[in-house]
Amino acid sequence: MKRQNGITLIALVITIIILLILAGVTLNLTLGEHGIIKMAEKAGKNYVNSAGDEKNKLEGLLNEVQNIINNVGGENESPTTELNILKAGDYIKYDSGANGIITCRVLYPLSSPYGLQIITDKNVGTAFTLGSATDFEVSKSNYNDAIKLLNDKA
């Protein structure tokens, strides 16, 4: 008797059914409502929206910074309103005349117990500097005089 090799029809049908089930699961994971393609589309839309929001926020911040740098407020704003937005550490500029435009830093904001105090590391006027390396009393006097002169001029 000859030996017959091969697969039965039942084994073939079961194999095809398993392959169809796997193909259906794969298609559902790829194309379904919560599939990879839909999730990628949502992520792309979220990215575009977030990029637009970020661009708008950055433009707003740049405009605000430019206004602060230029000391430009709205037409209805008083100088006090502009001074109220200054915080400790902010930079401001003023024209000192002979010494040109000097960049100063806010030491205390307007709302502090000391009122608005600004300071610079540049010479102020013709006689004021921020201190002496050898005499503390001279340094203190120069510092106080420089603060007063800067505040008066600014």
C-alpha atoms as a PDB file:
ATOM      1  CA  MET A   1       0.000   0.000   0.000  1.00  0.00           C
ATOM      2  CA  LYS A   2       1.171   3.466  -0.852  1.00  0.00           C
ATOM      3  CA  ARG A   3       1.462   6.034   1.797  1.00  0.00           C
ATOM      4  CA  GLN A   4      -0.417   9.312   1.043  1.00  0.00           C
ATOM      5  CA  ASN A   5       1.003  12.590   2.286  1.00  0.00           C
ATOM      6  CA  GLY A   6      -0.935  15.877   2.466  1.00  0.00           C
ATOM      7  CA  ILE A   7      -3.417  17.852   4.509  1.00  0.00           C
ATOM      8  CA  THR A   8      -7.062  17.224   4.960  1.00  0.00           C
ATOM      9  CA  LEU A   9      -9.780  19.540   3.780  1.00  0.00           C
ATOM     10  CA  ILE A  10     -10.793  20.278   7.386  1.00  0.00           C
ATOM     11  CA  ALA A  11      -7.259  21.450   8.295  1.00  0.00           C
ATOM     12  CA  LEU A  12      -7.254  23.723   5.248  1.00  0.00           C
ATOM     13  CA  VAL A  13     -10.609  25.287   6.161  1.00  0.00           C
ATOM     14  CA  ILE A  14      -9.546  25.861   9.791  1.00  0.00           C
ATOM     15  CA  THR A  15      -6.312  27.533   8.615  1.00  0.00           C
ATOM     16  CA  ILE A  16      -8.241  29.845   6.260  1.00  0.00           C
ATOM     17  CA  ILE A  17     -10.708  30.773   9.044  1.00  0.00           C
ATOM     18  CA  ILE A  18      -7.851  31.634  11.426  1.00  0.00           C
ATOM     19  CA  LEU A  19      -6.190  33.766   8.735  1.00  0.00           C
ATOM     20  CA  LEU A  20      -9.488  35.611   8.080  1.00  0.00           C
ATOM     21  CA  ILE A  21      -9.923  36.313  11.800  1.00  0.00           C
ATOM     22  CA  LEU A  22      -6.366  37.667  12.056  1.00  0.00           C
ATOM     23  CA  ALA A  23      -6.898  39.818   8.947  1.00  0.00           C
ATOM     24  CA  GLY A  24     -10.134  41.233  10.431  1.00  0.00           C
ATOM     25  CA  VAL A  25      -8.462  42.093  13.727  1.00  0.00           C
ATOM     26  CA  THR A  26      -5.554  43.742  11.896  1.00  0.00           C
ATOM     27  CA  LEU A  27      -7.892  45.809   9.681  1.00  0.00           C
ATOM     28  CA  ASN A  28      -9.926  46.891  12.705  1.00  0.00           C
ATOM     29  CA  LEU A  29      -6.790  48.000  14.591  1.00  0.00           C
ATOM     30  CA  THR A  30      -5.586  49.895  11.544  1.00  0.00           C
ATOM     31  CA  LEU A  31      -8.765  51.386  10.068  1.00  0.00           C
ATOM     32  CA  GLY A  32     -11.316  51.180  12.885  1.00  0.00           C
ATOM     33  CA  GLU A  33     -12.796  54.054  14.909  1.00  0.00           C
ATOM     34  CA  HIS A  34      -9.934  53.888  17.414  1.00  0.00           C
ATOM     35  CA  GLY A  35      -7.419  52.572  14.895  1.00  0.00           C
ATOM     36  CA  ILE A  36      -3.917  53.747  14.216  1.00  0.00           C
ATOM     37  CA  ILE A  37      -4.882  55.888  11.213  1.00  0.00           C
ATOM     38  CA  LYS A  38      -7.696  57.720  13.058  1.00  0.00           C
ATOM     39  CA  MET A  39      -5.429  58.351  16.047  1.00  0.00           C
ATOM     40  CA  ALA A  40      -2.709  59.708  13.737  1.00  0.00           C
ATOM     41  CA  GLU A  41      -5.245  62.050  12.101  1.00  0.00           C
ATOM     42  CA  LYS A  42      -6.369  63.323  15.526  1.00  0.00           C
ATOM     43  CA  ALA A  43      -2.759  63.824  16.617  1.00  0.00           C
ATOM     44  CA  GLY A  44      -2.044  65.783  13.427  1.00  0.00           C
ATOM     45  CA  LYS A  45      -5.046  68.063  13.990  1.00  0.00           C
ATOM     46  CA  ASN A  46      -4.076  68.601  17.641  1.00  0.00           C
ATOM     47  CA  TYR A  47      -0.533  69.471  16.573  1.00  0.00           C
ATOM     48  CA  VAL A  48      -1.728  72.037  14.029  1.00  0.00           C
ATOM     49  CA  ASN A  49      -4.114  73.606  16.568  1.00  0.00           C
ATOM     50  CA  SER A  50      -1.435  73.708  19.272  1.00  0.00           C
ATOM     51  CA  ALA A  51       1.095  75.226  16.883  1.00  0.00           C
ATOM     52  CA  GLY A  52      -1.411  77.963  15.957  1.00  0.00           C
ATOM     53  CA  ASP A  53      -2.164  78.685  19.615  1.00  0.00           C
ATOM     54  CA  GLU A  54       1.535  78.816  20.451  1.00  0.00           C
ATOM     55  CA  LYS A  55       2.196  81.172  17.531  1.00  0.00           C
ATOM     56  CA  ASN A  56      -0.584  83.512  18.685  1.00  0.00           C
ATOM     57  CA  LYS A  57       0.693  83.504  22.277  1.00  0.00           C
ATOM     58  CA  LEU A  58       4.268  84.179  21.145  1.00  0.00           C
ATOM     59  CA  GLU A  59       3.130  87.075  18.934  1.00  0.00           C
ATOM     60  CA  GLY A  60       1.231  88.534  21.883  1.00  0.00           C
ATOM     61  CA  LEU A  61       4.261  88.211  24.149  1.00  0.00           C
ATOM     62  CA  LEU A  62       6.537  89.749  21.526  1.00  0.00           C
ATOM     63  CA  ASN A  63       4.170  92.698  21.150  1.00  0.00           C
ATOM     64  CA  GLU A  64       4.029  93.136  24.922  1.00  0.00           C
ATOM     65  CA  VAL A  65       7.817  92.978  25.224  1.00  0.00           C
ATOM     66  CA  GLN A  66       8.222  95.440  22.361  1.00  0.00           C
ATOM     67  CA  ASN A  67       5.787  97.835  24.066  1.00  0.00           C
ATOM     68  CA  ILE A  68       7.697  97.581  27.332  1.00  0.00           C
ATOM     69  CA  ILE A  69      11.029  98.124  25.560  1.00  0.00           C
ATOM     70  CA  ASN A  70       9.663 101.131  23.699  1.00  0.00           C
ATOM     71  CA  ASN A  71       7.784 102.361  26.805  1.00  0.00           C
ATOM     72  CA  VAL A  72       4.672 102.578  24.676  1.00  0.00           C
ATOM     73  CA  GLY A  73       1.376 102.302  26.515  1.00  0.00           C
ATOM     74  CA  GLY A  74      -2.141 102.808  25.264  1.00  0.00           C
ATOM     75  CA  GLU A  75      -3.291 106.384  24.641  1.00  0.00           C
ATOM     76  CA  ASN A  76      -5.514 106.262  27.721  1.00  0.00           C
ATOM     77  CA  GLU A  77      -2.844 104.905  30.025  1.00  0.00           C
ATOM     78  CA  SER A  78      -1.284 107.242  32.532  1.00  0.00           C
ATOM     79  CA  PRO A  79       2.416 107.013  33.440  1.00  0.00           C
ATOM     80  CA  THR A  80       1.395 105.552  36.809  1.00  0.00           C
ATOM     81  CA  THR A  81      -0.414 102.694  35.033  1.00  0.00           C
ATOM     82  CA  GLU A  82       2.719 102.001  32.995  1.00  0.00           C
ATOM     83  CA  LEU A  83       4.886 102.110  36.127  1.00  0.00           C
ATOM     84  CA  ASN A  84       2.567  99.661  37.916  1.00  0.00           C
ATOM     85  CA  ILE A  85       3.461  96.898  35.442  1.00  0.00           C
ATOM     86  CA  LEU A  86       7.184  97.111  36.254  1.00  0.00           C
ATOM     87  CA  LYS A  87       8.447  94.276  38.457  1.00  0.00           C
ATOM     88  CA  ALA A  88      11.708  93.860  40.330  1.00  0.00           C
ATOM     89  CA  GLY A  89      14.309  92.730  37.815  1.00  0.00           C
ATOM     90  CA  ASP A  90      12.682  94.367  34.757  1.00  0.00           C
ATOM     91  CA  TYR A  91      14.869  96.490  32.517  1.00  0.00           C
ATOM     92  CA  ILE A  92      13.981 100.054  31.524  1.00  0.00           C
ATOM     93  CA  LYS A  93      15.834 102.664  29.478  1.00  0.00           C
ATOM     94  CA  TYR A  94      16.049 106.409  29.791  1.00  0.00           C
ATOM     95  CA  ASP A  95      17.898 109.159  27.982  1.00  0.00           C
ATOM     96  CA  SER A  96      20.453 110.593  30.380  1.00  0.00           C
ATOM     97  CA  GLY A  97      21.441 113.382  28.018  1.00  0.00           C
ATOM     98  CA  ALA A  98      25.229 113.562  27.780  1.00  0.00           C
ATOM     99  CA  ASN A  99      25.682 109.882  28.631  1.00  0.00           C
ATOM    100  CA  GLY A 100      23.076 108.731  26.098  1.00  0.00           C
ATOM    101  CA  ILE A 101      20.472 106.072  26.749  1.00  0.00           C
ATOM    102  CA  ILE A 102      21.190 104.130  29.936  1.00  0.00           C
ATOM    103  CA  THR A 103      19.730 100.700  30.642  1.00  0.00           C
ATOM    104  CA  CYS A 104      18.496 100.439  34.227  1.00  0.00           C
ATOM    105  CA  ARG A 105      17.062  97.613  36.278  1.00  0.00           C
ATOM    106  CA  VAL A 106      14.086  97.869  38.595  1.00  0.00           C
ATOM    107  CA  LEU A 107      15.282  97.269  42.140  1.00  0.00           C
ATOM    108  CA  TYR A 108      11.865  97.686  43.827  1.00  0.00           C
ATOM    109  CA  PRO A 109       8.465  97.962  42.076  1.00  0.00           C
ATOM    110  CA  LEU A 110       6.136 100.938  42.566  1.00  0.00           C
ATOM    111  CA  SER A 111       4.038  98.879  45.010  1.00  0.00           C
ATOM    112  CA  SER A 112       6.981  98.292  47.383  1.00  0.00           C
ATOM    113  CA  PRO A 113       7.321 100.228  50.652  1.00  0.00           C
ATOM    114  CA  TYR A 114      10.230 102.091  49.029  1.00  0.00           C
ATOM    115  CA  GLY A 115       8.323 103.088  45.894  1.00  0.00           C
ATOM    116  CA  LEU A 116       9.823 102.562  42.452  1.00  0.00           C
ATOM    117  CA  GLN A 117      13.602 102.216  42.727  1.00  0.00           C
ATOM    118  CA  ILE A 118      15.861 101.721  39.691  1.00  0.00           C
ATOM    119  CA  ILE A 119      19.608 101.178  39.457  1.00  0.00           C
ATOM    120  CA  THR A 120      22.301 100.975  36.775  1.00  0.00           C
ATOM    121  CA  ASP A 121      25.955 100.021  36.597  1.00  0.00           C
ATOM    122  CA  LYS A 122      26.754 103.006  34.350  1.00  0.00           C
ATOM    123  CA  ASN A 123      27.918 106.468  35.421  1.00  0.00           C
ATOM    124  CA  VAL A 124      24.961 108.705  36.142  1.00  0.00           C
ATOM    125  CA  GLY A 125      25.302 112.376  35.314  1.00  0.00           C
ATOM    126  CA  THR A 126      28.864 113.590  35.608  1.00  0.00           C
ATOM    127  CA  ALA A 127      29.705 112.858  39.243  1.00  0.00           C
ATOM    128  CA  PHE A 128      27.708 109.842  40.409  1.00  0.00           C
ATOM    129  CA  THR A 129      28.902 106.266  40.315  1.00  0.00           C
ATOM    130  CA  LEU A 130      27.616 103.353  42.308  1.00  0.00           C
ATOM    131  CA  GLY A 131      30.380 103.061  44.782  1.00  0.00           C
ATOM    132  CA  SER A 132      33.908 103.088  45.947  1.00  0.00           C
ATOM    133  CA  ALA A 133      35.956  99.947  46.441  1.00  0.00           C
ATOM    134  CA  THR A 134      37.664 101.385  49.527  1.00  0.00           C
ATOM    135  CA  ASP A 135      35.116 103.544  51.396  1.00  0.00           C
ATOM    136  CA  PHE A 136      31.743 102.122  52.417  1.00  0.00           C
ATOM    137  CA  GLU A 137      30.270 105.516  53.415  1.00  0.00           C
ATOM    138  CA  VAL A 138      31.191 106.987  50.016  1.00  0.00           C
ATOM    139  CA  SER A 139      29.665 103.921  48.344  1.00  0.00           C
ATOM    140  CA  LYS A 140      26.446 104.280  50.339  1.00  0.00           C
ATOM    141  CA  SER A 141      26.203 108.002  49.610  1.00  0.00           C
ATOM    142  CA  ASN A 142      26.947 107.524  45.896  1.00  0.00           C
ATOM    143  CA  TYR A 143      24.452 104.691  45.680  1.00  0.00           C
ATOM    144  CA  ASN A 144      21.689 106.745  47.305  1.00  0.00           C
ATOM    145  CA  ASP A 145      22.515 109.789  45.169  1.00  0.00           C
ATOM    146  CA  ALA A 146      22.535 107.643  42.022  1.00  0.00           C
ATOM    147  CA  ILE A 147      19.139 106.121  42.921  1.00  0.00           C
ATOM    148  CA  LYS A 148      17.650 109.583  43.516  1.00  0.00           C
ATOM    149  CA  LEU A 149      19.119 110.994  40.298  1.00  0.00           C
ATOM    150  CA  LEU A 150      17.968 107.996  38.234  1.00  0.00           C
ATOM    151  CA  ASN A 151      14.470 108.163  39.662  1.00  0.00           C
ATOM    152  CA  ASP A 152      14.274 111.925  39.157  1.00  0.00           C
ATOM    153  CA  LYS A 153      15.411 111.665  35.543  1.00  0.00           C
ATOM    154  CA  ALA A 154      13.471 108.516  34.684  1.00  0.00           C
END
